[in-house]
Amino acid sequence: QVQLVESGGGLVQPGGSLRLSCAASGITFSIYAMGWYRQAPGKQRELVAGISRGGGTNYADSVKGRFTISRDNAKNTVYLQMNSLKPDDTAVYYCNAYYRENFDFWGQGTQVTVSS
């Protein structure tokens, strides 16, 4: 049974930081590309950051220079360090694991709220 369990969300003031974690089980983590997506109310889900199995990264333009994605294959965990948070970053953040078609898994999401 595949499980992706996100943690680390919460309420933070503008300019603050949060670190999200996603612990995976039931998959061979090291062969999966991992990603963080987010969905704000009334908006479509969007890619925030991705990391390949080789460690290459990509980011949405809106978070470049503020967010950092990383992975620890020994711990089957992917992280998203979020700095200089803005109210526009408020959303439910989802972890994704992708290998190929039919090997595409999602976590349940964690709420991030940026507000004073």
C-alpha atoms as a PDB file:
ATOM      1  CA  GLN A   1       0.000   0.000   0.000  1.00  0.00           C
ATOM      2  CA  VAL A   2       1.430   3.321  -1.096  1.00  0.00           C
ATOM      3  CA  GLN A   3       1.304   6.177   1.376  1.00  0.00           C
ATOM      4  CA  LEU A   4       2.556   9.729   1.095  1.00  0.00           C
ATOM      5  CA  VAL A   5       2.170  11.589   4.369  1.00  0.00           C
ATOM      6  CA  GLU A   6       2.739  15.334   4.421  1.00  0.00           C
ATOM      7  CA  SER A   7       3.510  17.319   7.548  1.00  0.00           C
ATOM      8  CA  GLY A   8       4.770  20.732   8.561  1.00  0.00           C
ATOM      9  CA  GLY A   9       1.958  22.974   7.403  1.00  0.00           C
ATOM     10  CA  GLY A  10       0.392  25.625   9.555  1.00  0.00           C
ATOM     11  CA  LEU A  11      -0.212  29.322  10.079  1.00  0.00           C
ATOM     12  CA  VAL A  12       2.712  31.686   9.577  1.00  0.00           C
ATOM     13  CA  GLN A  13       3.082  35.442   9.280  1.00  0.00           C
ATOM     14  CA  PRO A  14       4.191  37.058   6.024  1.00  0.00           C
ATOM     15  CA  GLY A  15       7.956  36.851   5.717  1.00  0.00           C
ATOM     16  CA  GLY A  16       8.094  33.716   7.822  1.00  0.00           C
ATOM     17  CA  SER A  17       9.280  30.220   7.009  1.00  0.00           C
ATOM     18  CA  LEU A  18       7.925  26.695   7.043  1.00  0.00           C
ATOM     19  CA  ARG A  19       9.408  23.335   6.172  1.00  0.00           C
ATOM     20  CA  LEU A  20       7.111  20.718   4.695  1.00  0.00           C
ATOM     21  CA  SER A  21       7.963  17.031   4.785  1.00  0.00           C
ATOM     22  CA  CYS A  22       6.518  14.132   2.834  1.00  0.00           C
ATOM     23  CA  ALA A  23       7.284  10.628   4.047  1.00  0.00           C
ATOM     24  CA  ALA A  24       6.718   7.888   1.494  1.00  0.00           C
ATOM     25  CA  SER A  25       6.100   4.211   2.036  1.00  0.00           C
ATOM     26  CA  GLY A  26       5.139   1.332  -0.225  1.00  0.00           C
ATOM     27  CA  ILE A  27       7.268   2.549  -3.137  1.00  0.00           C
ATOM     28  CA  THR A  28      10.891   2.292  -4.192  1.00  0.00           C
ATOM     29  CA  PHE A  29      11.390   5.935  -3.345  1.00  0.00           C
ATOM     30  CA  SER A  30      14.717   6.445  -5.082  1.00  0.00           C
ATOM     31  CA  ILE A  31      13.345   5.755  -8.559  1.00  0.00           C
ATOM     32  CA  TYR A  32      10.485   8.246  -8.275  1.00  0.00           C
ATOM     33  CA  ALA A  33      10.465  11.861  -9.263  1.00  0.00           C
ATOM     34  CA  MET A  34       8.950  13.830  -6.403  1.00  0.00           C
ATOM     35  CA  GLY A  35       7.007  17.055  -6.485  1.00  0.00           C
ATOM     36  CA  TRP A  36       5.155  19.561  -4.396  1.00  0.00           C
ATOM     37  CA  TYR A  37       1.950  21.020  -5.758  1.00  0.00           C
ATOM     38  CA  ARG A  38      -0.473  23.464  -4.255  1.00  0.00           C
ATOM     39  CA  GLN A  39      -4.098  24.400  -4.682  1.00  0.00           C
ATOM     40  CA  ALA A  40      -5.605  27.622  -3.441  1.00  0.00           C
ATOM     41  CA  PRO A  41      -9.383  28.085  -3.094  1.00  0.00           C
ATOM     42  CA  GLY A  42     -10.978  28.580  -6.487  1.00  0.00           C
ATOM     43  CA  LYS A  43      -7.748  27.859  -8.346  1.00  0.00           C
ATOM     44  CA  GLN A  44      -6.306  24.891 -10.174  1.00  0.00           C
ATOM     45  CA  ARG A  45      -3.629  22.730  -8.639  1.00  0.00           C
ATOM     46  CA  GLU A  46      -0.191  23.942  -9.725  1.00  0.00           C
ATOM     47  CA  LEU A  47       3.330  22.610  -9.570  1.00  0.00           C
ATOM     48  CA  VAL A  48       5.433  24.406  -6.978  1.00  0.00           C
ATOM     49  CA  ALA A  49       8.680  22.435  -7.159  1.00  0.00           C
ATOM     50  CA  GLY A  50       9.953  19.131  -8.464  1.00  0.00           C
ATOM     51  CA  ILE A  51      13.023  16.994  -7.941  1.00  0.00           C
ATOM     52  CA  SER A  52      14.087  14.168 -10.212  1.00  0.00           C
ATOM     53  CA  ARG A  53      15.455  10.859  -9.011  1.00  0.00           C
ATOM     54  CA  GLY A  54      18.856  12.205  -9.996  1.00  0.00           C
ATOM     55  CA  GLY A  55      18.411  15.321  -7.872  1.00  0.00           C
ATOM     56  CA  GLY A  56      17.663  17.853 -10.585  1.00  0.00           C
ATOM     57  CA  THR A  57      15.182  20.502  -9.488  1.00  0.00           C
ATOM     58  CA  ASN A  58      12.672  22.849 -11.059  1.00  0.00           C
ATOM     59  CA  TYR A  59      10.502  25.570  -9.570  1.00  0.00           C
ATOM     60  CA  ALA A  60       7.502  27.679 -10.403  1.00  0.00           C
ATOM     61  CA  ASP A  61       8.563  31.219 -11.220  1.00  0.00           C
ATOM     62  CA  SER A  62       6.518  32.505  -8.291  1.00  0.00           C
ATOM     63  CA  VAL A  63       8.645  30.636  -5.737  1.00  0.00           C
ATOM     64  CA  LYS A  64      12.126  30.753  -7.274  1.00  0.00           C
ATOM     65  CA  GLY A  65      14.662  32.046  -4.798  1.00  0.00           C
ATOM     66  CA  ARG A  66      12.307  31.497  -1.851  1.00  0.00           C
ATOM     67  CA  PHE A  67      11.538  27.770  -1.846  1.00  0.00           C
ATOM     68  CA  THR A  68      13.945  24.841  -1.915  1.00  0.00           C
ATOM     69  CA  ILE A  69      13.023  21.229  -2.599  1.00  0.00           C
ATOM     70  CA  SER A  70      15.265  18.402  -1.444  1.00  0.00           C
ATOM     71  CA  ARG A  71      15.088  14.665  -0.928  1.00  0.00           C
ATOM     72  CA  ASP A  72      16.619  12.124   1.426  1.00  0.00           C
ATOM     73  CA  ASN A  73      16.453   8.708  -0.197  1.00  0.00           C
ATOM     74  CA  ALA A  74      17.668   7.019   2.991  1.00  0.00           C
ATOM     75  CA  LYS A  75      14.610   8.360   4.803  1.00  0.00           C
ATOM     76  CA  ASN A  76      12.170   8.079   1.863  1.00  0.00           C
ATOM     77  CA  THR A  77      11.343  11.717   2.432  1.00  0.00           C
ATOM     78  CA  VAL A  78      11.060  14.849   0.319  1.00  0.00           C
ATOM     79  CA  TYR A  79      11.151  18.329   1.816  1.00  0.00           C
ATOM     80  CA  LEU A  80      10.057  21.791   0.817  1.00  0.00           C
ATOM     81  CA  GLN A  81      11.763  24.642   2.629  1.00  0.00           C
ATOM     82  CA  MET A  82       9.653  27.756   2.220  1.00  0.00           C
ATOM     83  CA  ASN A  83      11.131  31.138   3.120  1.00  0.00           C
ATOM     84  CA  SER A  84       9.871  34.699   2.741  1.00  0.00           C
ATOM     85  CA  LEU A  85       6.321  33.447   2.646  1.00  0.00           C
ATOM     86  CA  LYS A  86       3.623  35.649   1.168  1.00  0.00           C
ATOM     87  CA  PRO A  87      -0.165  35.621   1.554  1.00  0.00           C
ATOM     88  CA  ASP A  88      -0.354  34.368  -2.058  1.00  0.00           C
ATOM     89  CA  ASP A  89       1.418  31.194  -0.909  1.00  0.00           C
ATOM     90  CA  THR A  90      -1.664  30.236   1.093  1.00  0.00           C
ATOM     91  CA  ALA A  91      -2.922  26.898  -0.221  1.00  0.00           C
ATOM     92  CA  VAL A  92      -3.176  23.204   0.444  1.00  0.00           C
ATOM     93  CA  TYR A  93       0.197  21.686  -0.431  1.00  0.00           C
ATOM     94  CA  TYR A  94       0.302  18.183  -1.890  1.00  0.00           C
ATOM     95  CA  CYS A  95       3.162  15.759  -2.284  1.00  0.00           C
ATOM     96  CA  ASN A  96       3.403  13.747  -5.504  1.00  0.00           C
ATOM     97  CA  ALA A  97       5.446  10.715  -6.464  1.00  0.00           C
ATOM     98  CA  TYR A  98       5.739   9.904 -10.162  1.00  0.00           C
ATOM     99  CA  TYR A  99       7.509   7.051 -11.904  1.00  0.00           C
ATOM    100  CA  ARG A 100       5.448   6.445 -15.024  1.00  0.00           C
ATOM    101  CA  GLU A 101       1.811   6.022 -16.041  1.00  0.00           C
ATOM    102  CA  ASN A 102      -0.137   4.182 -13.339  1.00  0.00           C
ATOM    103  CA  PHE A 103       2.681   4.842 -10.881  1.00  0.00           C
ATOM    104  CA  ASP A 104       1.551   8.324  -9.907  1.00  0.00           C
ATOM    105  CA  PHE A 105       0.650   8.869  -6.265  1.00  0.00           C
ATOM    106  CA  TRP A 106      -0.584  11.760  -4.124  1.00  0.00           C
ATOM    107  CA  GLY A 107      -0.599  12.642  -0.464  1.00  0.00           C
ATOM    108  CA  GLN A 108      -3.613  13.960   1.401  1.00  0.00           C
ATOM    109  CA  GLY A 109      -2.354  17.534   1.555  1.00  0.00           C
ATOM    110  CA  THR A 110      -1.310  19.940   4.275  1.00  0.00           C
ATOM    111  CA  GLN A 111      -2.686  23.443   4.764  1.00  0.00           C
ATOM    112  CA  VAL A 112      -0.342  26.406   4.647  1.00  0.00           C
ATOM    113  CA  THR A 113      -1.815  29.751   5.650  1.00  0.00           C
ATOM    114  CA  VAL A 114       0.200  32.956   5.441  1.00  0.00           C
ATOM    115  CA  SER A 115      -1.517  35.750   7.300  1.00  0.00           C
ATOM    116  CA  SER A 116      -0.868  38.428   9.856  1.00  0.00           C
END
